[in-house]
Amino acid sequence: MPKITAPMHKDGDFFVDYEEKVFEDVQANEGEKALVTFHTVAFEGSIGFVNMLQATRLQRKGYETSILLYGPGVTLGLQRGFPTLGAEAFPGHQNFTNQLKKFMSEGGKIYACRFALQALYGHGEPSLIEGIRPISPLDVLDIKLLHTRDNAVIIDTWTV
């Protein structure tokens, strides 16, 4: 086996060029909107958290940004904790809650489908993180149609 002569990587080293940006830094024009939808189960993959970060970035770029939690996506908006609500059972346990709260504190709006909340996951409106607006299942299509009408940026994500 050939001997490796390259120096070992160490903390603080870069593997890629983080400085280069290929595309212009797009900012929203006055009145532009964005909608990010989540149809994914909390803690079952990274896409829920990635989309929260995307929604926050859209908000910071000046888009009037909304998040729609529907289907299993409503599980992202539930209060959680152990042994009490709000307690962090392990590092990162509250990352969804903390990111959604940060998003709302910066002006973002979050909607959660009441059908999925109750019929699919057995929770009521008091189970939602404070600030999340419960909506009728009939509103799930209409929020998408309204954003389409407004030529909004729409990011749809489904996982099963």
Protein backbone atom coordinates (compact mmCIF):
# COMPACT_ATOMS: atom_id res chain seq x y z
CA MET A 1 0.00 0.00 0.00
CA PRO A 2 1.40 3.42 -0.90
CA LYS A 3 2.39 5.73 1.94
CA ILE A 4 0.23 8.84 2.40
CA THR A 5 2.45 11.92 2.59
CA ALA A 6 -0.17 14.69 2.63
CA PRO A 7 -0.58 16.44 5.99
CA MET A 8 -3.62 15.41 8.05
CA HIS A 9 -6.61 17.73 8.05
CA LYS A 10 -7.28 19.56 11.30
CA ASP A 11 -10.10 21.55 12.85
CA GLY A 12 -10.49 24.88 11.10
CA ASP A 13 -9.32 23.61 7.71
CA PHE A 14 -11.48 24.24 4.64
CA PHE A 15 -12.27 21.49 2.12
CA VAL A 16 -13.98 23.83 -0.35
CA ASP A 17 -13.93 27.49 -1.34
CA TYR A 18 -16.53 29.18 0.87
CA GLU A 19 -15.66 32.63 -0.46
CA GLU A 20 -16.71 32.26 -4.12
CA LYS A 21 -20.36 33.03 -4.95
CA VAL A 22 -21.32 32.09 -8.51
CA PHE A 23 -24.72 33.79 -8.75
CA GLU A 24 -25.83 37.29 -7.83
CA ASP A 25 -27.28 37.73 -4.34
CA VAL A 26 -30.96 38.06 -5.27
CA GLN A 27 -33.08 40.26 -3.03
CA ALA A 28 -36.85 40.57 -3.13
CA ASN A 29 -38.44 43.44 -4.96
CA GLU A 30 -41.07 45.42 -3.07
CA GLY A 31 -44.10 43.24 -2.34
CA GLU A 32 -42.65 39.91 -3.50
CA LYS A 33 -43.75 36.83 -1.59
CA ALA A 34 -42.53 33.32 -0.90
CA LEU A 35 -44.24 30.16 0.36
CA VAL A 36 -42.44 27.10 1.70
CA THR A 37 -44.59 24.01 2.22
CA PHE A 38 -43.72 21.03 4.40
CA HIS A 39 -45.23 17.57 3.99
CA THR A 40 -42.63 15.76 6.08
CA VAL A 41 -42.41 14.12 9.49
CA ALA A 42 -40.42 15.81 12.25
CA PHE A 43 -37.12 14.07 13.06
CA GLU A 44 -37.43 11.67 10.09
CA GLY A 45 -34.94 13.47 7.90
CA SER A 46 -33.20 16.76 7.41
CA ILE A 47 -35.53 18.31 4.82
CA GLY A 48 -37.84 19.88 7.42
CA PHE A 49 -34.97 21.74 9.03
CA VAL A 50 -33.39 22.62 5.67
CA ASN A 51 -36.68 24.15 4.52
CA MET A 52 -36.91 26.16 7.75
CA LEU A 53 -33.49 27.57 6.99
CA GLN A 54 -34.56 28.32 3.38
CA ALA A 55 -37.70 30.08 4.61
CA THR A 56 -35.65 32.16 7.04
CA ARG A 57 -33.22 33.06 4.26
CA LEU A 58 -36.09 34.09 1.95
CA GLN A 59 -37.50 36.26 4.76
CA ARG A 60 -34.11 37.92 5.25
CA LYS A 61 -33.84 38.59 1.50
CA GLY A 62 -36.99 40.70 1.81
CA TYR A 63 -39.68 38.25 0.68
CA GLU A 64 -42.93 38.24 2.61
CA THR A 65 -42.53 34.59 3.56
CA SER A 66 -45.02 32.04 4.82
CA ILE A 67 -44.62 28.42 5.85
CA LEU A 68 -47.41 25.89 5.34
CA LEU A 69 -47.34 22.79 7.54
CA TYR A 70 -49.73 20.13 6.27
CA GLY A 71 -49.99 16.36 6.35
CA PRO A 72 -47.16 15.05 8.50
CA GLY A 73 -45.59 18.52 8.29
CA VAL A 74 -47.81 19.65 11.17
CA THR A 75 -45.62 17.55 13.46
CA LEU A 76 -42.87 20.14 12.96
CA GLY A 77 -45.05 22.77 14.61
CA LEU A 78 -46.00 20.83 17.74
CA GLN A 79 -44.76 21.80 21.18
CA ARG A 80 -42.40 19.16 22.48
CA GLY A 81 -39.96 18.53 25.26
CA PHE A 82 -39.02 16.03 27.92
CA PRO A 83 -39.62 15.70 30.78
CA THR A 84 -41.67 18.88 30.35
CA LEU A 85 -42.74 20.91 27.32
CA GLY A 86 -39.90 23.15 26.26
CA ALA A 87 -37.19 21.07 27.97
CA GLU A 88 -34.44 19.77 25.72
CA ALA A 89 -34.04 16.00 26.21
CA PHE A 90 -30.85 15.93 24.11
CA PRO A 91 -28.79 18.54 22.23
CA GLY A 92 -30.74 19.67 19.16
CA HIS A 93 -34.05 18.31 20.44
CA GLN A 94 -35.64 21.76 20.16
CA ASN A 95 -33.97 22.78 16.87
CA PHE A 96 -37.28 22.76 14.93
CA THR A 97 -39.10 24.75 17.60
CA ASN A 98 -36.25 27.23 17.96
CA GLN A 99 -35.95 27.77 14.20
CA LEU A 100 -39.71 28.26 13.75
CA LYS A 101 -39.78 30.75 16.62
CA LYS A 102 -36.83 32.63 15.10
CA PHE A 103 -38.61 32.69 11.72
CA MET A 104 -41.78 34.13 13.29
CA SER A 105 -39.80 36.65 15.37
CA GLU A 106 -38.37 37.99 12.08
CA GLY A 107 -41.86 38.49 10.62
CA GLY A 108 -42.53 35.12 8.99
CA LYS A 109 -45.99 33.54 9.12
CA ILE A 110 -46.66 29.86 9.77
CA TYR A 111 -49.89 28.02 9.03
CA ALA A 112 -50.83 24.47 10.10
CA CYS A 113 -53.65 22.34 8.66
CA ARG A 114 -56.29 21.53 11.28
CA PHE A 115 -57.25 18.26 9.55
CA ALA A 116 -53.73 16.85 9.77
CA LEU A 117 -53.36 18.19 13.29
CA GLN A 118 -56.45 16.43 14.66
CA ALA A 119 -57.49 13.64 12.30
CA LEU A 120 -54.00 12.36 11.43
CA TYR A 121 -51.93 13.13 14.51
CA GLY A 122 -54.46 13.46 17.36
CA HIS A 123 -53.50 16.96 18.46
CA GLY A 124 -55.54 20.09 19.05
CA GLU A 125 -54.71 23.70 18.39
CA PRO A 126 -53.23 24.18 21.90
CA SER A 127 -50.50 21.69 20.91
CA LEU A 128 -49.07 24.13 18.35
CA ILE A 129 -46.10 26.36 19.06
CA GLU A 130 -47.37 29.81 19.98
CA GLY A 131 -47.77 31.99 16.90
CA ILE A 132 -48.59 29.22 14.42
CA ARG A 133 -51.99 29.85 12.83
CA PRO A 134 -54.24 26.80 12.39
CA ILE A 135 -56.16 26.75 9.10
CA SER A 136 -58.96 24.78 7.48
CA PRO A 137 -57.90 21.92 5.20
CA LEU A 138 -59.74 23.85 2.46
CA ASP A 139 -57.19 26.64 2.91
CA VAL A 140 -54.25 24.38 1.99
CA LEU A 141 -55.01 24.65 -1.72
CA ASP A 142 -56.07 28.28 -1.51
CA ILE A 143 -52.84 29.49 0.11
CA LYS A 144 -50.94 27.87 -2.76
CA LEU A 145 -53.29 29.40 -5.34
CA LEU A 146 -53.00 32.85 -3.78
CA HIS A 147 -49.21 32.67 -3.80
CA THR A 148 -49.26 31.43 -7.39
CA ARG A 149 -51.52 34.34 -8.34
CA ASP A 150 -49.01 36.70 -6.72
CA ASN A 151 -46.12 35.11 -8.68
CA ALA A 152 -44.52 34.09 -5.41
CA VAL A 153 -41.51 31.86 -5.02
CA ILE A 154 -42.95 28.50 -3.92
CA ILE A 155 -40.85 25.68 -2.52
CA ASP A 156 -42.85 22.44 -2.11
CA THR A 157 -41.33 19.48 -0.32
CA TRP A 158 -42.86 16.06 0.14
CA THR A 159 -41.37 13.13 1.98
CA VAL A 160 -43.10 9.87 2.84
